[in-house]
N, C-alpha and C. Protein backbone atom coordinates (compact mmCIF):
# COMPACT_ATOMS: atom_id res chain seq x y z
N MET A 1 110.12 121.10 118.17
CA MET A 1 110.47 119.78 118.60
C MET A 1 110.83 119.84 120.08
N LEU A 2 110.31 118.93 120.85
CA LEU A 2 110.62 118.85 122.27
C LEU A 2 111.73 117.85 122.49
N ILE A 3 112.68 118.25 123.32
CA ILE A 3 113.84 117.40 123.60
C ILE A 3 114.00 117.34 125.11
N PRO A 4 114.22 116.13 125.66
CA PRO A 4 114.41 116.01 127.12
C PRO A 4 115.59 116.87 127.59
N ALA A 5 115.42 117.51 128.71
CA ALA A 5 116.46 118.40 129.25
C ALA A 5 117.73 117.63 129.61
N ARG A 6 117.63 116.36 129.87
CA ARG A 6 118.80 115.57 130.27
C ARG A 6 119.77 115.30 129.12
N MET A 7 119.34 115.55 127.87
CA MET A 7 120.21 115.29 126.71
C MET A 7 121.37 116.27 126.67
N SER A 8 122.52 115.73 126.31
CA SER A 8 123.68 116.60 126.12
C SER A 8 123.50 117.36 124.80
N GLU A 9 124.34 118.35 124.59
CA GLU A 9 124.25 119.12 123.34
C GLU A 9 124.52 118.22 122.13
N ALA A 10 125.47 117.29 122.27
CA ALA A 10 125.78 116.38 121.17
C ALA A 10 124.60 115.46 120.88
N GLU A 11 123.96 114.93 121.96
CA GLU A 11 122.79 114.06 121.77
C GLU A 11 121.64 114.84 121.14
N GLU A 12 121.47 116.07 121.59
CA GLU A 12 120.42 116.92 121.04
C GLU A 12 120.65 117.15 119.54
N HIS A 13 121.88 117.45 119.17
CA HIS A 13 122.20 117.68 117.76
C HIS A 13 121.94 116.42 116.94
N ARG A 14 122.37 115.26 117.46
CA ARG A 14 122.14 113.99 116.76
C ARG A 14 120.65 113.73 116.62
N TRP A 15 119.89 113.92 117.68
CA TRP A 15 118.45 113.67 117.66
C TRP A 15 117.74 114.58 116.66
N VAL A 16 118.07 115.84 116.65
CA VAL A 16 117.47 116.79 115.71
C VAL A 16 117.79 116.37 114.28
N THR A 17 119.03 115.97 114.03
CA THR A 17 119.42 115.53 112.69
C THR A 17 118.62 114.31 112.26
N VAL A 18 118.48 113.33 113.15
CA VAL A 18 117.71 112.11 112.85
C VAL A 18 116.26 112.47 112.55
N MET A 19 115.65 113.31 113.36
CA MET A 19 114.25 113.67 113.17
C MET A 19 114.05 114.49 111.88
N LEU A 20 114.95 115.38 111.58
CA LEU A 20 114.85 116.16 110.34
C LEU A 20 114.99 115.25 109.12
N ASP A 21 115.89 114.26 109.21
CA ASP A 21 116.03 113.30 108.11
C ASP A 21 114.74 112.50 107.91
N LYS A 22 114.11 112.09 109.02
CA LYS A 22 112.85 111.34 108.93
C LYS A 22 111.75 112.20 108.31
N LEU A 23 111.66 113.45 108.74
CA LEU A 23 110.65 114.35 108.17
C LEU A 23 110.89 114.59 106.69
N ALA A 24 112.14 114.75 106.30
CA ALA A 24 112.47 114.96 104.89
C ALA A 24 112.10 113.74 104.06
N ALA A 25 112.34 112.55 104.60
CA ALA A 25 112.00 111.31 103.89
C ALA A 25 110.48 111.19 103.73
N GLN A 26 109.74 111.52 104.78
CA GLN A 26 108.28 111.47 104.70
C GLN A 26 107.76 112.47 103.67
N GLU A 27 108.30 113.67 103.68
CA GLU A 27 107.86 114.70 102.73
C GLU A 27 108.20 114.29 101.30
N SER A 28 109.38 113.70 101.11
CA SER A 28 109.78 113.25 99.79
C SER A 28 108.84 112.16 99.28
N LYS A 29 108.48 111.23 100.17
CA LYS A 29 107.55 110.15 99.80
C LYS A 29 106.18 110.73 99.44
N ARG A 30 105.71 111.69 100.25
CA ARG A 30 104.42 112.31 99.97
C ARG A 30 104.44 113.04 98.64
N MET A 31 105.52 113.78 98.38
CA MET A 31 105.62 114.54 97.14
C MET A 31 105.63 113.58 95.94
N LEU A 32 106.35 112.48 96.06
CA LEU A 32 106.38 111.49 94.98
C LEU A 32 104.98 110.94 94.75
N GLY A 33 104.28 110.65 95.83
CA GLY A 33 102.91 110.17 95.72
C GLY A 33 102.01 111.19 95.04
N ASP A 34 102.21 112.47 95.34
CA ASP A 34 101.42 113.52 94.71
C ASP A 34 101.74 113.63 93.23
N VAL A 35 103.02 113.48 92.87
CA VAL A 35 103.41 113.54 91.45
C VAL A 35 102.74 112.40 90.69
N GLU A 36 102.81 111.20 91.25
CA GLU A 36 102.18 110.04 90.61
C GLU A 36 100.67 110.23 90.50
N LEU A 37 100.06 110.81 91.53
CA LEU A 37 98.62 111.06 91.52
C LEU A 37 98.27 112.07 90.43
N GLY A 38 99.08 113.10 90.28
CA GLY A 38 98.86 114.09 89.22
C GLY A 38 98.96 113.47 87.83
N GLU A 39 99.94 112.60 87.64
CA GLU A 39 100.10 111.92 86.35
C GLU A 39 98.90 111.00 86.08
N ARG A 40 98.44 110.35 87.11
CA ARG A 40 97.27 109.47 86.98
C ARG A 40 96.03 110.29 86.59
N ALA A 41 95.86 111.45 87.22
CA ALA A 41 94.73 112.32 86.89
C ALA A 41 94.81 112.78 85.44
N GLU A 42 96.01 113.09 84.99
CA GLU A 42 96.19 113.52 83.59
C GLU A 42 95.78 112.40 82.62
N ARG A 43 96.21 111.17 82.92
CA ARG A 43 95.84 110.04 82.06
C ARG A 43 94.33 109.83 82.05
N LEU A 44 93.70 109.93 83.22
CA LEU A 44 92.26 109.74 83.30
C LEU A 44 91.51 110.85 82.56
N SER A 45 91.99 112.07 82.66
CA SER A 45 91.38 113.19 81.93
C SER A 45 91.47 112.94 80.43
N ASP A 46 92.63 112.49 79.98
CA ASP A 46 92.80 112.19 78.55
C ASP A 46 91.84 111.09 78.12
N GLN A 47 91.74 110.05 78.93
CA GLN A 47 90.94 108.88 78.57
C GLN A 47 89.44 109.16 78.59
N TYR A 48 88.96 109.88 79.61
CA TYR A 48 87.52 110.02 79.78
C TYR A 48 86.96 111.39 79.41
N PHE A 49 87.81 112.40 79.35
CA PHE A 49 87.32 113.76 79.06
C PHE A 49 88.07 114.41 77.91
N GLY A 50 88.77 113.63 77.12
CA GLY A 50 89.52 114.19 76.00
C GLY A 50 90.55 115.21 76.43
N GLY A 51 91.04 115.09 77.68
CA GLY A 51 92.07 116.00 78.18
C GLY A 51 91.55 117.38 78.59
N ARG A 52 90.24 117.56 78.62
CA ARG A 52 89.67 118.88 78.94
C ARG A 52 89.79 119.24 80.41
N ALA A 53 89.83 118.27 81.29
CA ALA A 53 89.93 118.54 82.74
C ALA A 53 91.41 118.55 83.12
N ARG A 54 91.95 119.73 83.37
CA ARG A 54 93.37 119.88 83.69
C ARG A 54 93.55 120.56 85.05
N PRO A 55 93.72 119.78 86.09
CA PRO A 55 93.92 120.39 87.41
C PRO A 55 95.30 121.06 87.51
N THR A 56 95.37 122.08 88.34
CA THR A 56 96.66 122.73 88.60
C THR A 56 97.43 121.97 89.67
N SER A 57 96.71 121.26 90.54
CA SER A 57 97.37 120.42 91.54
C SER A 57 96.45 119.26 91.92
N VAL A 58 97.08 118.13 92.21
CA VAL A 58 96.37 116.95 92.69
C VAL A 58 97.24 116.39 93.81
N ARG A 59 96.64 116.21 94.99
CA ARG A 59 97.45 115.74 96.10
C ARG A 59 96.64 114.95 97.12
N TRP A 60 97.36 114.13 97.87
CA TRP A 60 96.78 113.39 98.99
C TRP A 60 96.71 114.34 100.19
N VAL A 61 95.65 114.23 100.97
CA VAL A 61 95.54 115.02 102.20
C VAL A 61 95.09 114.11 103.34
N THR A 62 95.42 114.51 104.54
CA THR A 62 95.05 113.72 105.72
C THR A 62 93.94 114.37 106.53
N ASN A 63 93.42 115.50 106.07
CA ASN A 63 92.39 116.20 106.85
C ASN A 63 90.98 116.00 106.32
N GLN A 64 90.78 115.02 105.45
CA GLN A 64 89.44 114.72 104.94
C GLN A 64 89.01 113.36 105.47
N ASN A 65 88.17 113.39 106.48
CA ASN A 65 87.73 112.14 107.08
C ASN A 65 86.28 111.81 106.77
N THR A 66 85.55 112.76 106.18
CA THR A 66 84.17 112.48 105.83
C THR A 66 83.95 112.52 104.32
N ARG A 67 84.94 112.98 103.56
CA ARG A 67 84.84 113.03 102.11
C ARG A 67 85.98 112.21 101.53
N TRP A 68 85.73 111.64 100.36
CA TRP A 68 86.78 110.88 99.68
C TRP A 68 87.68 111.80 98.86
N GLY A 69 87.12 112.89 98.40
CA GLY A 69 87.89 113.83 97.60
C GLY A 69 87.19 115.17 97.59
N SER A 70 87.91 116.18 97.14
CA SER A 70 87.31 117.50 96.98
C SER A 70 88.03 118.22 95.85
N CYS A 71 87.32 119.19 95.30
CA CYS A 71 87.84 119.94 94.17
C CYS A 71 87.46 121.40 94.35
N THR A 72 88.38 122.28 94.05
CA THR A 72 88.10 123.72 94.02
C THR A 72 88.27 124.15 92.58
N PRO A 73 87.17 124.15 91.80
CA PRO A 73 87.27 124.46 90.37
C PRO A 73 87.93 125.81 90.08
N SER A 74 87.67 126.82 90.91
CA SER A 74 88.25 128.14 90.65
C SER A 74 89.77 128.13 90.73
N GLU A 75 90.32 127.23 91.54
CA GLU A 75 91.77 127.10 91.66
C GLU A 75 92.33 125.96 90.82
N GLY A 76 91.45 125.04 90.42
CA GLY A 76 91.89 123.86 89.67
C GLY A 76 92.56 122.82 90.54
N SER A 77 92.29 122.87 91.85
CA SER A 77 92.97 121.94 92.76
C SER A 77 92.06 120.77 93.14
N ILE A 78 92.67 119.60 93.23
CA ILE A 78 91.98 118.37 93.63
C ILE A 78 92.74 117.78 94.82
N ARG A 79 91.96 117.35 95.81
CA ARG A 79 92.54 116.71 96.98
C ARG A 79 91.83 115.38 97.21
N LEU A 80 92.60 114.34 97.45
CA LEU A 80 92.03 113.02 97.75
C LEU A 80 92.39 112.63 99.18
N SER A 81 91.43 112.05 99.86
CA SER A 81 91.65 111.60 101.23
C SER A 81 92.67 110.46 101.26
N HIS A 82 93.56 110.51 102.22
CA HIS A 82 94.54 109.45 102.41
C HIS A 82 93.87 108.11 102.69
N ARG A 83 92.60 108.13 103.12
CA ARG A 83 91.87 106.89 103.40
C ARG A 83 91.68 106.04 102.15
N LEU A 84 91.82 106.66 100.96
CA LEU A 84 91.71 105.91 99.70
C LEU A 84 92.95 105.07 99.41
N GLN A 85 94.07 105.43 100.04
CA GLN A 85 95.30 104.70 99.77
C GLN A 85 95.14 103.25 100.20
N GLY A 86 95.45 102.34 99.31
CA GLY A 86 95.30 100.92 99.59
C GLY A 86 93.99 100.34 99.09
N MET A 87 93.06 101.20 98.66
CA MET A 87 91.81 100.70 98.08
C MET A 87 92.09 100.28 96.63
N PRO A 88 91.19 99.50 96.04
CA PRO A 88 91.41 99.08 94.65
C PRO A 88 91.60 100.28 93.72
N GLU A 89 92.41 100.08 92.69
CA GLU A 89 92.72 101.17 91.75
C GLU A 89 91.47 101.76 91.12
N TYR A 90 90.51 100.92 90.77
CA TYR A 90 89.31 101.44 90.11
C TYR A 90 88.53 102.38 91.03
N VAL A 91 88.65 102.19 92.35
CA VAL A 91 87.97 103.08 93.30
C VAL A 91 88.68 104.44 93.34
N VAL A 92 90.00 104.42 93.44
CA VAL A 92 90.77 105.67 93.43
C VAL A 92 90.55 106.39 92.10
N ASP A 93 90.55 105.63 91.01
CA ASP A 93 90.31 106.23 89.70
C ASP A 93 88.93 106.88 89.64
N TYR A 94 87.93 106.22 90.20
CA TYR A 94 86.59 106.80 90.20
C TYR A 94 86.59 108.15 90.93
N VAL A 95 87.21 108.20 92.11
CA VAL A 95 87.21 109.45 92.87
C VAL A 95 87.96 110.53 92.08
N LEU A 96 89.06 110.16 91.46
CA LEU A 96 89.78 111.13 90.62
C LEU A 96 88.91 111.60 89.45
N VAL A 97 88.24 110.68 88.76
CA VAL A 97 87.38 111.05 87.64
C VAL A 97 86.25 111.95 88.14
N HIS A 98 85.69 111.63 89.29
CA HIS A 98 84.63 112.44 89.89
C HIS A 98 85.11 113.87 90.11
N GLU A 99 86.30 114.00 90.71
CA GLU A 99 86.82 115.34 90.99
C GLU A 99 87.24 116.06 89.70
N LEU A 100 87.78 115.32 88.75
CA LEU A 100 88.12 115.92 87.45
C LEU A 100 86.86 116.46 86.77
N ALA A 101 85.76 115.72 86.88
CA ALA A 101 84.51 116.17 86.28
C ALA A 101 84.06 117.50 86.87
N HIS A 102 84.37 117.73 88.14
CA HIS A 102 84.02 119.01 88.77
C HIS A 102 84.77 120.18 88.15
N LEU A 103 85.90 119.92 87.53
CA LEU A 103 86.60 121.01 86.84
C LEU A 103 85.81 121.45 85.60
N LEU A 104 84.98 120.56 85.09
CA LEU A 104 84.18 120.85 83.90
C LEU A 104 82.75 121.27 84.26
N VAL A 105 82.20 120.66 85.31
CA VAL A 105 80.85 120.97 85.78
C VAL A 105 80.92 121.01 87.31
N PRO A 106 80.82 122.20 87.91
CA PRO A 106 81.01 122.32 89.36
C PRO A 106 80.03 121.55 90.25
N GLY A 107 78.74 121.52 89.92
CA GLY A 107 77.76 120.89 90.81
C GLY A 107 77.55 119.42 90.53
N HIS A 108 76.51 118.85 91.13
CA HIS A 108 76.15 117.45 90.93
C HIS A 108 74.85 117.31 90.14
N GLY A 109 74.64 118.17 89.18
CA GLY A 109 73.44 118.11 88.36
C GLY A 109 73.55 117.05 87.27
N PRO A 110 72.53 116.98 86.42
CA PRO A 110 72.49 115.97 85.35
C PRO A 110 73.70 116.02 84.42
N ASP A 111 74.20 117.21 84.10
CA ASP A 111 75.37 117.32 83.22
C ASP A 111 76.60 116.67 83.86
N PHE A 112 76.73 116.85 85.16
CA PHE A 112 77.85 116.25 85.89
C PHE A 112 77.78 114.72 85.80
N TRP A 113 76.60 114.15 86.11
CA TRP A 113 76.47 112.70 86.12
C TRP A 113 76.60 112.12 84.72
N ARG A 114 76.22 112.88 83.70
CA ARG A 114 76.43 112.41 82.32
C ARG A 114 77.92 112.28 82.03
N LEU A 115 78.72 113.21 82.54
CA LEU A 115 80.18 113.11 82.35
C LEU A 115 80.71 111.83 82.99
N LEU A 116 80.20 111.49 84.16
CA LEU A 116 80.70 110.31 84.87
C LEU A 116 80.30 109.00 84.20
N GLU A 117 79.31 109.05 83.32
CA GLU A 117 78.92 107.83 82.59
C GLU A 117 80.08 107.30 81.74
N ALA A 118 81.03 108.18 81.44
CA ALA A 118 82.19 107.75 80.63
C ALA A 118 83.05 106.74 81.39
N TYR A 119 83.07 106.84 82.72
CA TYR A 119 83.89 105.91 83.52
C TYR A 119 83.07 104.64 83.77
N PRO A 120 83.50 103.50 83.23
CA PRO A 120 82.67 102.29 83.26
C PRO A 120 82.48 101.66 84.64
N ARG A 121 83.29 102.02 85.61
CA ARG A 121 83.17 101.38 86.92
C ARG A 121 82.59 102.32 87.98
N THR A 122 81.87 103.33 87.53
CA THR A 122 81.29 104.29 88.47
C THR A 122 80.41 103.61 89.52
N GLU A 123 79.45 102.83 89.09
CA GLU A 123 78.52 102.20 90.04
C GLU A 123 79.23 101.24 90.97
N ARG A 124 80.15 100.47 90.42
CA ARG A 124 80.90 99.51 91.25
C ARG A 124 81.72 100.25 92.31
N ALA A 125 82.40 101.32 91.92
CA ALA A 125 83.22 102.08 92.86
C ALA A 125 82.35 102.75 93.92
N ARG A 126 81.23 103.30 93.50
CA ARG A 126 80.32 103.93 94.46
C ARG A 126 79.82 102.90 95.47
N GLY A 127 79.50 101.70 95.00
CA GLY A 127 79.07 100.64 95.89
C GLY A 127 80.16 100.25 96.89
N TYR A 128 81.39 100.18 96.40
CA TYR A 128 82.51 99.85 97.26
C TYR A 128 82.64 100.89 98.38
N LEU A 129 82.62 102.17 97.99
CA LEU A 129 82.77 103.25 98.97
C LEU A 129 81.60 103.27 99.95
N GLU A 130 80.39 103.01 99.47
CA GLU A 130 79.24 102.93 100.37
C GLU A 130 79.41 101.79 101.37
N GLY A 131 79.98 100.67 100.91
CA GLY A 131 80.24 99.55 101.81
C GLY A 131 81.27 99.90 102.87
N VAL A 132 82.30 100.64 102.49
CA VAL A 132 83.31 101.07 103.46
C VAL A 132 82.67 101.95 104.53
N VAL A 133 81.85 102.90 104.09
CA VAL A 133 81.19 103.80 105.05
C VAL A 133 80.27 103.00 105.97
N ALA A 134 79.51 102.06 105.42
CA ALA A 134 78.61 101.23 106.23
C ALA A 134 79.40 100.41 107.25
N ALA A 135 80.51 99.84 106.82
CA ALA A 135 81.34 99.02 107.73
C ALA A 135 81.91 99.87 108.86
N GLU A 136 82.27 101.11 108.56
CA GLU A 136 82.81 102.00 109.59
C GLU A 136 81.77 102.32 110.66
N ARG A 137 80.50 102.24 110.30
CA ARG A 137 79.43 102.57 111.24
C ARG A 137 79.02 101.40 112.11
N LEU A 138 79.47 100.19 111.75
CA LEU A 138 79.12 99.00 112.53
C LEU A 138 79.81 99.05 113.88
N PRO A 139 79.14 98.51 114.90
CA PRO A 139 79.82 98.45 116.20
C PRO A 139 81.00 97.48 116.10
N HIS A 140 82.07 97.85 116.72
CA HIS A 140 83.26 96.98 116.69
C HIS A 140 83.11 95.92 117.77
N LEU A 141 83.14 94.67 117.33
CA LEU A 141 83.01 93.56 118.27
C LEU A 141 84.38 93.20 118.84
N PRO A 142 84.39 92.76 120.09
CA PRO A 142 85.69 92.35 120.65
C PRO A 142 86.22 91.14 119.89
N ALA A 143 87.51 91.02 119.82
CA ALA A 143 88.15 89.90 119.13
C ALA A 143 87.74 88.59 119.81
N ALA A 144 87.54 87.55 119.02
CA ALA A 144 87.17 86.24 119.55
C ALA A 144 88.33 85.66 120.36
N ARG A 145 88.00 85.03 121.46
CA ARG A 145 89.05 84.43 122.31
C ARG A 145 89.29 83.00 121.87
N GLY A 146 90.53 82.60 121.93
CA GLY A 146 90.87 81.20 121.62
C GLY A 146 90.30 80.28 122.67
N GLU A 147 89.81 79.12 122.24
CA GLU A 147 89.21 78.19 123.20
C GLU A 147 90.10 77.00 123.43
């Protein structure tokens, strides 16, 4: 942490305490979000895969900007991009179901896609995500000026 040299020792101590409290609150919020995400994945596994897909960890990450989610079957870990936060629930559920399916079938072959047929909103969610990607590629127009 960088602190201006002009700060007194008391101000420095107060500032460090404030910043550590903020970091702890952010971490606590993230951890709670990860717990809820893990519980959601468990419910989806029960509903669509008879509970066979059991990840060891499910968490939000901020370092995935080109993928919506990823799975490491050998570790049982699932990571979802923070960009999904705020999207419709059925979209987040689709990405979770997609990654859960990778715990059962690692690749994207016919067996994998057959598993995803269990989730009824697969096509709708895929269309939504394709629309988001297409919109991100559009040139950003300047805001209209009031007349």
